[in-house]
Structure formats: structure tokens, C-alpha cells
């Protein structure tokens, strides 16, 4: 094992343990963190004119949003689940527009909304 691989292995083990021991709300917080991270990277790439990287990072964020969409519990979630579904749908449409227009401002709008929801779920998860 190289010196470079060891820190990554430790980080990966830490992340895996955090995921395995997280509450459901804590997992959602991690997913929102991922959306923010990937969209910040996409916005920076977009500003640099690096379309392939911007697209790849947006795809990662979109995959997370898709996962959030399919895991909404509409039976137990009541009105909140419907509102989350609307928000996630809005994010998807906004990201589509950002991709077409190459507009990092639209990405930052989704980042800001995700950060707000992250804060709410972080408060729930304790």
C-alpha cells in the first residue's frame, strides 16, 4: 500500500462507518452535503468553461436528488413529503436550465436551497 493510498483508505473507512451508524435524518444531511459539494464543483467548472467536468459533477448531484425523490415516504410524510417532492422536482428543472444556459447562478440557487433543507434535517437528527 502506498503512502498516498493509506489516507484515502482511512477516510473511506471513516465515511463508511458514518453512513452505517447514521440516523435516517443524518443520512439525508449527508446527501444534502453531497448535493452542495458536487454543485459547487460544477459551478466552478462551469465558470472555467470546463463543460465535461461541470456536467459530470451535475450528474452526481442529480443522482443524489433522484435517490431523495424515490425514497420519499408519501404515506407517512403527509404534506411535508409532497412539498419535498415539489422541491426536488424544481431542483431537477433548475439544473436542466443551468446546464442548457451554462449558468452557475442557477446552480448556486439550488445549493442555497439544499443548504436550508440540510439545516432543518440536521436539527432533526440532533
Protein backbone atom coordinates (compact mmCIF):
# COMPACT_ATOMS: atom_id res chain seq x y z
CA UNK A 1 0.00 0.00 0.00
CA UNK A 2 1.43 3.37 -0.99
CA UNK A 3 1.62 6.34 1.33
CA UNK A 4 -0.96 8.01 -0.89
CA UNK A 5 -3.46 5.15 -0.57
CA UNK A 6 -3.36 4.91 3.22
CA UNK A 7 -5.02 8.28 3.96
CA UNK A 8 -7.73 7.52 1.42
CA UNK A 9 -8.38 4.12 2.97
CA UNK A 10 -8.74 5.70 6.42
CA UNK A 11 -11.04 8.40 5.07
CA UNK A 12 -13.15 5.85 3.22
CA UNK A 13 -13.44 3.65 6.32
CA UNK A 14 -14.48 6.68 8.40
CA UNK A 15 -17.11 7.66 5.81
CA UNK A 16 -18.43 4.11 5.58
CA UNK A 17 -18.75 3.91 9.36
CA UNK A 18 -20.52 7.30 9.47
CA UNK A 19 -23.06 6.11 6.90
CA UNK A 20 -23.65 2.78 8.66
CA UNK A 21 -24.26 4.42 12.04
CA UNK A 22 -26.26 7.48 10.90
CA UNK A 23 -29.92 8.03 11.65
CA UNK A 24 -32.26 8.36 8.66
CA UNK A 25 -32.25 12.16 9.09
CA UNK A 26 -28.46 12.06 9.40
CA UNK A 27 -28.26 10.21 6.08
CA UNK A 28 -30.38 12.89 4.45
CA UNK A 29 -27.97 15.52 5.84
CA UNK A 30 -25.09 13.64 4.19
CA UNK A 31 -26.99 13.54 0.90
CA UNK A 32 -27.62 17.29 1.03
CA UNK A 33 -23.92 17.77 1.76
CA UNK A 34 -23.14 15.78 -1.38
CA UNK A 35 -25.51 17.87 -3.48
CA UNK A 36 -23.85 21.05 -2.28
CA UNK A 37 -20.33 19.72 -2.80
CA UNK A 38 -20.98 18.45 -6.33
CA UNK A 39 -22.87 21.57 -7.40
CA UNK A 40 -20.14 23.87 -6.05
CA UNK A 41 -17.64 21.86 -8.10
CA UNK A 42 -19.94 22.06 -11.14
CA UNK A 43 -20.33 25.83 -10.76
CA UNK A 44 -16.56 26.32 -10.56
CA UNK A 45 -16.04 24.13 -13.63
CA UNK A 46 -18.77 25.99 -15.49
CA UNK A 47 -17.11 29.31 -14.70
CA UNK A 48 -13.82 27.90 -16.02
CA UNK A 49 -15.52 26.77 -19.22
CA UNK A 50 -14.92 23.10 -18.37
CA UNK A 51 -18.20 21.66 -19.62
CA UNK A 52 -17.29 17.96 -19.21
CA UNK A 53 -16.39 18.39 -15.52
CA UNK A 54 -19.41 20.61 -14.89
CA UNK A 55 -21.68 18.03 -16.49
CA UNK A 56 -20.11 15.12 -14.58
CA UNK A 57 -20.48 16.91 -11.24
CA UNK A 58 -24.05 17.90 -12.02
CA UNK A 59 -24.83 14.28 -12.84
CA UNK A 60 -23.57 13.24 -9.41
CA UNK A 61 -25.83 15.82 -7.74
CA UNK A 62 -28.75 14.76 -9.92
CA UNK A 63 -28.24 11.13 -8.90
CA UNK A 64 -28.49 12.15 -5.26
CA UNK A 65 -31.65 14.16 -5.95
CA UNK A 66 -33.13 11.14 -7.74
CA UNK A 67 -32.37 8.99 -4.70
CA UNK A 68 -34.06 11.53 -2.45
CA UNK A 69 -37.09 11.58 -4.76
CA UNK A 70 -37.59 7.81 -4.77
CA UNK A 71 -37.17 7.47 -1.02
CA UNK A 72 -39.89 9.96 -0.06
CA UNK A 73 -42.42 8.16 2.12
CA UNK A 74 -45.68 9.69 0.91
CA UNK A 75 -47.79 7.54 3.24
CA UNK A 76 -46.06 8.63 6.44
CA UNK A 77 -44.78 12.02 5.28
CA UNK A 78 -48.08 13.77 4.74
CA UNK A 79 -47.89 17.32 3.45
CA UNK A 80 -44.13 17.53 4.02
CA UNK A 81 -43.45 14.67 1.61
CA UNK A 82 -45.46 16.42 -1.09
CA UNK A 83 -43.55 19.64 -0.57
CA UNK A 84 -40.21 17.82 -0.70
CA UNK A 85 -41.26 16.14 -3.96
CA UNK A 86 -42.07 19.58 -5.40
CA UNK A 87 -38.72 20.99 -4.25
CA UNK A 88 -36.76 18.10 -5.72
CA UNK A 89 -38.65 18.44 -9.00
CA UNK A 90 -37.89 22.15 -9.05
CA UNK A 91 -34.19 21.41 -8.46
CA UNK A 92 -34.13 18.98 -11.38
CA UNK A 93 -35.73 21.54 -13.71
CA UNK A 94 -33.40 24.27 -12.45
CA UNK A 95 -30.35 22.08 -13.06
CA UNK A 96 -31.58 21.29 -16.57
CA UNK A 97 -31.85 25.03 -17.26
CA UNK A 98 -28.42 25.65 -15.73
CA UNK A 99 -26.90 23.02 -17.99
CA UNK A 100 -28.55 24.43 -21.13
CA UNK A 101 -27.65 28.03 -20.29
CA UNK A 102 -24.29 27.21 -18.65
CA UNK A 103 -25.45 29.37 -15.75
CA UNK A 104 -23.64 28.80 -12.45
CA UNK A 105 -26.03 31.23 -10.71
CA UNK A 106 -28.81 28.67 -11.11
CA UNK A 107 -26.56 26.06 -9.51
CA UNK A 108 -25.95 28.37 -6.56
CA UNK A 109 -29.69 28.82 -6.10
CA UNK A 110 -30.11 25.06 -5.74
CA UNK A 111 -27.07 24.95 -3.43
CA UNK A 112 -28.68 27.59 -1.19
CA UNK A 113 -31.99 25.73 -1.01
CA UNK A 114 -30.24 22.44 -0.30
CA UNK A 115 -28.29 24.13 2.49
CA UNK A 116 -31.54 25.35 4.06
CA UNK A 117 -33.05 21.87 3.98
CA UNK A 118 -29.79 20.41 5.26
CA UNK A 119 -30.02 22.70 8.28
CA UNK A 120 -33.56 21.56 9.00
CA UNK A 121 -32.65 17.87 8.79
CA UNK A 122 -29.52 18.46 10.87
CA UNK A 123 -31.67 19.98 13.60
CA UNK A 124 -34.00 16.95 13.45
CA UNK A 125 -31.13 14.47 13.60
CA UNK A 126 -29.62 16.18 16.61
